[in-house]
Amino acid sequence: MLDAPAMGGYRQPMTKQELAEKMQAHQAWVPGKRIKLDFRDQGVVLLDGRGGQVSEQDGPADTTISTSWADFEKLEAGQMDPMSAFMTGKLRIEGNMSNAMQLATLLSKLRT
């Protein structure tokens, strides 16, 4: 499966491990907060703004954002709006909503 064109070519969709590595490299976390991305049957990515790290280990979080891996890929690629995904139930949020509102900022860090 190919994803949207990137700089004149096509890029392969990333794996969850690649996502975690990219988020770590871009420090894509909210300082002082723990946000869990729950991809249901694909596992989790924990953005630990307290420890300054990203991992695929499950653990307690201030906010949990649940979505399918396919929908997350659309969000990350800018093909789906986070607010629309939330309103249609494709994105679910548990815990501190203000942390979840920063999802768009976290995703934008991945595009740089």
N, C-alpha and C. Protein backbone atom coordinates (compact mmCIF):
# COMPACT_ATOMS: atom_id res chain seq x y z
N MET A 1 0.84 -1.18 0.00
CA MET A 1 0.00 0.00 0.00
C MET A 1 0.89 1.24 0.00
N LEU A 2 0.64 2.15 -0.88
CA LEU A 2 1.40 3.38 -0.96
C LEU A 2 0.63 4.52 -0.36
N ASP A 3 1.35 5.45 0.18
CA ASP A 3 0.74 6.60 0.83
C ASP A 3 0.82 7.79 -0.11
N ALA A 4 0.39 8.94 0.35
CA ALA A 4 0.36 10.16 -0.45
C ALA A 4 1.75 10.52 -0.95
N PRO A 5 1.82 11.20 -2.08
CA PRO A 5 3.12 11.61 -2.60
C PRO A 5 3.85 12.51 -1.62
N ALA A 6 5.15 12.33 -1.55
CA ALA A 6 5.98 13.17 -0.69
C ALA A 6 7.17 13.64 -1.52
N MET A 7 7.21 14.92 -1.81
CA MET A 7 8.29 15.52 -2.59
C MET A 7 8.48 14.81 -3.93
N GLY A 8 7.41 14.61 -4.65
CA GLY A 8 7.50 14.05 -5.98
C GLY A 8 7.53 12.54 -6.04
N GLY A 9 7.60 11.86 -4.92
CA GLY A 9 7.63 10.41 -4.91
C GLY A 9 6.56 9.87 -3.99
N TYR A 10 6.62 8.57 -3.75
CA TYR A 10 5.68 7.96 -2.84
C TYR A 10 6.45 7.39 -1.66
N ARG A 11 5.83 7.42 -0.50
CA ARG A 11 6.47 6.86 0.67
C ARG A 11 5.62 5.73 1.21
N GLN A 12 6.28 4.76 1.76
CA GLN A 12 5.59 3.64 2.38
C GLN A 12 5.01 4.10 3.71
N PRO A 13 3.85 3.59 4.09
CA PRO A 13 3.33 3.92 5.42
C PRO A 13 4.31 3.43 6.48
N MET A 14 4.41 4.18 7.57
CA MET A 14 5.35 3.79 8.63
C MET A 14 4.73 2.75 9.55
N THR A 15 5.60 2.00 10.20
CA THR A 15 5.17 1.03 11.20
C THR A 15 5.02 1.75 12.54
N LYS A 16 4.45 1.07 13.50
CA LYS A 16 4.30 1.66 14.84
C LYS A 16 5.67 1.91 15.46
N GLN A 17 6.62 1.01 15.25
CA GLN A 17 7.97 1.19 15.77
C GLN A 17 8.62 2.42 15.14
N GLU A 18 8.45 2.59 13.83
CA GLU A 18 9.00 3.77 13.16
C GLU A 18 8.36 5.04 13.68
N LEU A 19 7.05 4.98 13.96
CA LEU A 19 6.35 6.13 14.53
C LEU A 19 6.96 6.50 15.88
N ALA A 20 7.16 5.51 16.74
CA ALA A 20 7.74 5.77 18.07
C ALA A 20 9.14 6.38 17.93
N GLU A 21 9.94 5.85 17.02
CA GLU A 21 11.29 6.38 16.82
C GLU A 21 11.25 7.82 16.29
N LYS A 22 10.34 8.09 15.37
CA LYS A 22 10.23 9.43 14.80
C LYS A 22 9.74 10.42 15.86
N MET A 23 8.77 10.00 16.68
CA MET A 23 8.27 10.87 17.73
C MET A 23 9.37 11.15 18.76
N GLN A 24 10.19 10.15 19.07
CA GLN A 24 11.31 10.35 20.00
C GLN A 24 12.29 11.36 19.40
N ALA A 25 12.64 11.17 18.14
CA ALA A 25 13.61 12.06 17.49
C ALA A 25 13.12 13.51 17.43
N HIS A 26 11.80 13.70 17.28
CA HIS A 26 11.22 15.04 17.20
C HIS A 26 10.71 15.55 18.55
N GLN A 27 10.97 14.78 19.61
CA GLN A 27 10.50 15.14 20.95
C GLN A 27 9.01 15.50 20.93
N ALA A 28 8.23 14.64 20.31
CA ALA A 28 6.80 14.88 20.14
C ALA A 28 6.02 14.41 21.36
N TRP A 29 6.16 15.17 22.43
CA TRP A 29 5.40 14.91 23.65
C TRP A 29 5.03 16.24 24.29
N VAL A 30 4.10 16.18 25.23
CA VAL A 30 3.69 17.38 25.97
C VAL A 30 4.48 17.39 27.27
N PRO A 31 5.31 18.41 27.49
CA PRO A 31 6.15 18.45 28.70
C PRO A 31 5.31 18.28 29.97
N GLY A 32 5.76 17.35 30.82
CA GLY A 32 5.10 17.12 32.10
C GLY A 32 3.87 16.24 32.04
N LYS A 33 3.48 15.79 30.85
CA LYS A 33 2.27 14.97 30.69
C LYS A 33 2.59 13.64 30.03
N ARG A 34 1.76 12.66 30.32
CA ARG A 34 1.87 11.35 29.67
C ARG A 34 0.63 11.13 28.82
N ILE A 35 0.85 10.95 27.52
CA ILE A 35 -0.25 10.72 26.58
C ILE A 35 -0.04 9.38 25.92
N LYS A 36 -1.07 8.55 25.97
CA LYS A 36 -1.01 7.23 25.36
C LYS A 36 -1.80 7.24 24.06
N LEU A 37 -1.17 6.78 22.99
CA LEU A 37 -1.85 6.55 21.72
C LEU A 37 -2.18 5.06 21.67
N ASP A 38 -3.45 4.73 21.77
CA ASP A 38 -3.89 3.34 21.79
C ASP A 38 -4.42 2.97 20.41
N PHE A 39 -3.68 2.10 19.73
CA PHE A 39 -4.06 1.68 18.38
C PHE A 39 -4.82 0.36 18.40
N ARG A 40 -5.49 0.11 19.49
CA ARG A 40 -6.32 -1.07 19.69
C ARG A 40 -5.50 -2.35 19.49
N ASP A 41 -5.78 -3.14 18.48
CA ASP A 41 -5.08 -4.42 18.31
C ASP A 41 -3.63 -4.25 17.84
N GLN A 42 -3.21 -3.03 17.53
CA GLN A 42 -1.84 -2.77 17.09
C GLN A 42 -0.93 -2.35 18.25
N GLY A 43 -1.48 -2.22 19.45
CA GLY A 43 -0.67 -1.84 20.61
C GLY A 43 -0.71 -0.35 20.88
N VAL A 44 0.25 0.14 21.65
CA VAL A 44 0.25 1.53 22.10
C VAL A 44 1.60 2.19 21.83
N VAL A 45 1.56 3.52 21.83
CA VAL A 45 2.77 4.35 21.88
C VAL A 45 2.53 5.31 23.03
N LEU A 46 3.45 5.35 23.98
CA LEU A 46 3.32 6.21 25.14
C LEU A 46 4.27 7.39 25.00
N LEU A 47 3.70 8.60 24.97
CA LEU A 47 4.47 9.83 24.88
C LEU A 47 4.66 10.34 26.30
N ASP A 48 5.84 10.13 26.85
CA ASP A 48 6.10 10.45 28.24
C ASP A 48 6.83 11.78 28.34
N GLY A 49 6.05 12.85 28.53
CA GLY A 49 6.62 14.18 28.67
C GLY A 49 7.25 14.42 30.03
N ARG A 50 7.04 13.52 30.97
CA ARG A 50 7.69 13.63 32.28
C ARG A 50 9.11 13.10 32.18
N GLY A 51 9.26 11.95 31.50
CA GLY A 51 10.57 11.33 31.37
C GLY A 51 11.29 11.71 30.09
N GLY A 52 10.60 12.44 29.20
CA GLY A 52 11.21 12.85 27.95
C GLY A 52 11.54 11.69 27.03
N GLN A 53 10.57 10.77 26.89
CA GLN A 53 10.80 9.64 26.02
C GLN A 53 9.50 9.12 25.41
N VAL A 54 9.65 8.36 24.35
CA VAL A 54 8.53 7.73 23.66
C VAL A 54 8.82 6.23 23.66
N SER A 55 7.82 5.43 23.99
CA SER A 55 8.01 3.98 23.99
C SER A 55 6.75 3.28 23.50
N GLU A 56 6.90 2.00 23.26
CA GLU A 56 5.76 1.16 22.88
C GLU A 56 5.25 0.37 24.08
N GLN A 57 5.68 0.77 25.27
CA GLN A 57 5.27 0.11 26.51
C GLN A 57 3.98 0.74 27.02
N ASP A 58 3.03 -0.11 27.41
CA ASP A 58 1.79 0.39 27.98
C ASP A 58 2.04 0.86 29.41
N GLY A 59 1.28 1.84 29.84
CA GLY A 59 1.42 2.34 31.19
C GLY A 59 0.37 3.39 31.46
N PRO A 60 0.31 3.88 32.71
CA PRO A 60 -0.67 4.90 33.06
C PRO A 60 -0.39 6.19 32.29
N ALA A 61 -1.48 6.91 31.97
CA ALA A 61 -1.36 8.16 31.21
C ALA A 61 -2.38 9.17 31.72
N ASP A 62 -2.05 10.45 31.53
CA ASP A 62 -2.99 11.52 31.85
C ASP A 62 -4.13 11.53 30.84
N THR A 63 -3.80 11.18 29.61
CA THR A 63 -4.76 11.17 28.51
C THR A 63 -4.51 9.97 27.63
N THR A 64 -5.57 9.29 27.22
CA THR A 64 -5.46 8.19 26.27
C THR A 64 -6.26 8.56 25.03
N ILE A 65 -5.60 8.49 23.89
CA ILE A 65 -6.24 8.76 22.60
C ILE A 65 -6.30 7.44 21.86
N SER A 66 -7.52 6.99 21.56
CA SER A 66 -7.71 5.70 20.90
C SER A 66 -8.21 5.90 19.48
N THR A 67 -7.60 5.17 18.55
CA THR A 67 -8.01 5.20 17.16
C THR A 67 -7.43 3.97 16.48
N SER A 68 -7.93 3.65 15.32
CA SER A 68 -7.33 2.54 14.57
C SER A 68 -6.02 3.02 13.95
N TRP A 69 -5.15 2.07 13.63
CA TRP A 69 -3.88 2.43 12.99
C TRP A 69 -4.15 3.09 11.64
N ALA A 70 -5.12 2.57 10.88
CA ALA A 70 -5.45 3.14 9.57
C ALA A 70 -5.91 4.59 9.68
N ASP A 71 -6.74 4.89 10.68
CA ASP A 71 -7.19 6.27 10.86
C ASP A 71 -6.06 7.16 11.35
N PHE A 72 -5.16 6.62 12.18
CA PHE A 72 -4.02 7.42 12.62
C PHE A 72 -3.14 7.80 11.44
N GLU A 73 -2.93 6.87 10.52
CA GLU A 73 -2.13 7.17 9.33
C GLU A 73 -2.75 8.32 8.54
N LYS A 74 -4.06 8.34 8.46
CA LYS A 74 -4.75 9.45 7.77
C LYS A 74 -4.56 10.76 8.53
N LEU A 75 -4.64 10.71 9.85
CA LEU A 75 -4.43 11.90 10.67
C LEU A 75 -3.00 12.42 10.49
N GLU A 76 -2.04 11.52 10.56
CA GLU A 76 -0.63 11.89 10.45
C GLU A 76 -0.30 12.48 9.08
N ALA A 77 -0.96 11.98 8.05
CA ALA A 77 -0.72 12.45 6.69
C ALA A 77 -1.49 13.73 6.38
N GLY A 78 -2.33 14.17 7.31
CA GLY A 78 -3.13 15.38 7.07
C GLY A 78 -4.35 15.11 6.21
N GLN A 79 -4.71 13.84 6.04
CA GLN A 79 -5.86 13.46 5.22
C GLN A 79 -7.15 13.40 6.03
N MET A 80 -7.02 13.51 7.36
CA MET A 80 -8.19 13.50 8.23
C MET A 80 -7.97 14.56 9.31
N ASP A 81 -8.99 15.34 9.57
CA ASP A 81 -8.94 16.38 10.59
C ASP A 81 -9.20 15.76 11.97
N PRO A 82 -8.33 16.03 12.96
CA PRO A 82 -8.54 15.44 14.29
C PRO A 82 -9.91 15.74 14.89
N MET A 83 -10.42 16.97 14.72
CA MET A 83 -11.72 17.31 15.28
C MET A 83 -12.84 16.52 14.60
N SER A 84 -12.77 16.38 13.29
CA SER A 84 -13.77 15.59 12.57
C SER A 84 -13.70 14.12 13.00
N ALA A 85 -12.48 13.61 13.18
CA ALA A 85 -12.32 12.23 13.61
C ALA A 85 -12.95 12.02 14.99
N PHE A 86 -12.77 13.00 15.88
CA PHE A 86 -13.35 12.93 17.22
C PHE A 86 -14.88 12.97 17.14
N MET A 87 -15.39 13.89 16.34
CA MET A 87 -16.85 14.06 16.25
C MET A 87 -17.54 12.85 15.62
N THR A 88 -16.83 12.10 14.77
CA THR A 88 -17.43 10.93 14.13
C THR A 88 -17.11 9.63 14.86
N GLY A 89 -16.42 9.72 16.00
CA GLY A 89 -16.12 8.54 16.79
C GLY A 89 -14.91 7.75 16.32
N LYS A 90 -14.18 8.25 15.34
CA LYS A 90 -12.98 7.55 14.87
C LYS A 90 -11.79 7.79 15.79
N LEU A 91 -11.93 8.78 16.65
CA LEU A 91 -10.90 9.15 17.61
C LEU A 91 -11.59 9.31 18.95
N ARG A 92 -11.14 8.56 19.95
CA ARG A 92 -11.75 8.65 21.28
C ARG A 92 -10.71 9.14 22.27
N ILE A 93 -11.18 9.93 23.23
CA ILE A 93 -10.28 10.54 24.19
C ILE A 93 -10.76 10.26 25.60
N GLU A 94 -9.85 9.77 26.44
CA GLU A 94 -10.14 9.56 27.86
C GLU A 94 -9.12 10.35 28.67
N GLY A 95 -9.59 11.02 29.71
CA GLY A 95 -8.68 11.77 30.56
C GLY A 95 -8.71 13.25 30.25
N ASN A 96 -7.56 13.89 30.41
CA ASN A 96 -7.45 15.33 30.29
C ASN A 96 -7.59 15.77 28.82
N MET A 97 -8.68 16.40 28.51
CA MET A 97 -8.99 16.80 27.15
C MET A 97 -8.01 17.85 26.61
N SER A 98 -7.50 18.73 27.48
CA SER A 98 -6.58 19.77 26.99
C SER A 98 -5.30 19.15 26.43
N ASN A 99 -4.86 18.01 26.97
CA ASN A 99 -3.70 17.32 26.42
C ASN A 99 -4.00 16.81 25.01
N ALA A 100 -5.19 16.30 24.84
CA ALA A 100 -5.59 15.76 23.54
C ALA A 100 -5.69 16.87 22.49
N MET A 101 -6.03 18.07 22.91
CA MET A 101 -6.15 19.18 21.97
C MET A 101 -4.80 19.50 21.33
N GLN A 102 -3.73 19.05 21.96
CA GLN A 102 -2.40 19.30 21.42
C GLN A 102 -1.97 18.24 20.41
N LEU A 103 -2.89 17.32 20.07
CA LEU A 103 -2.58 16.26 19.10
C LEU A 103 -2.15 16.85 17.76
N ALA A 104 -2.82 17.86 17.29
CA ALA A 104 -2.45 18.46 16.00
C ALA A 104 -1.02 18.99 16.03
N THR A 105 -0.61 19.57 17.15
CA THR A 105 0.76 20.06 17.28
C THR A 105 1.74 18.90 17.26
N LEU A 106 1.40 17.81 17.94
CA LEU A 106 2.28 16.64 17.95
C LEU A 106 2.42 16.07 16.54
N LEU A 107 1.30 16.00 15.83
CA LEU A 107 1.35 15.45 14.47
C LEU A 107 2.15 16.35 13.53
N SER A 108 2.05 17.65 13.73
CA SER A 108 2.79 18.57 12.86
C SER A 108 4.30 18.39 13.04
N LYS A 109 4.74 17.99 14.23
CA LYS A 109 6.16 17.75 14.46
C LYS A 109 6.67 16.58 13.61
N LEU A 110 5.79 15.67 13.28
CA LEU A 110 6.18 14.51 12.49
C LEU A 110 6.37 14.84 11.02
N ARG A 111 5.75 15.90 10.56
CA ARG A 111 5.81 16.27 9.16
C ARG A 111 7.05 17.08 8.81
N THR A 112 7.83 17.49 9.81
CA THR A 112 9.01 18.32 9.55
C THR A 112 10.22 17.47 9.22
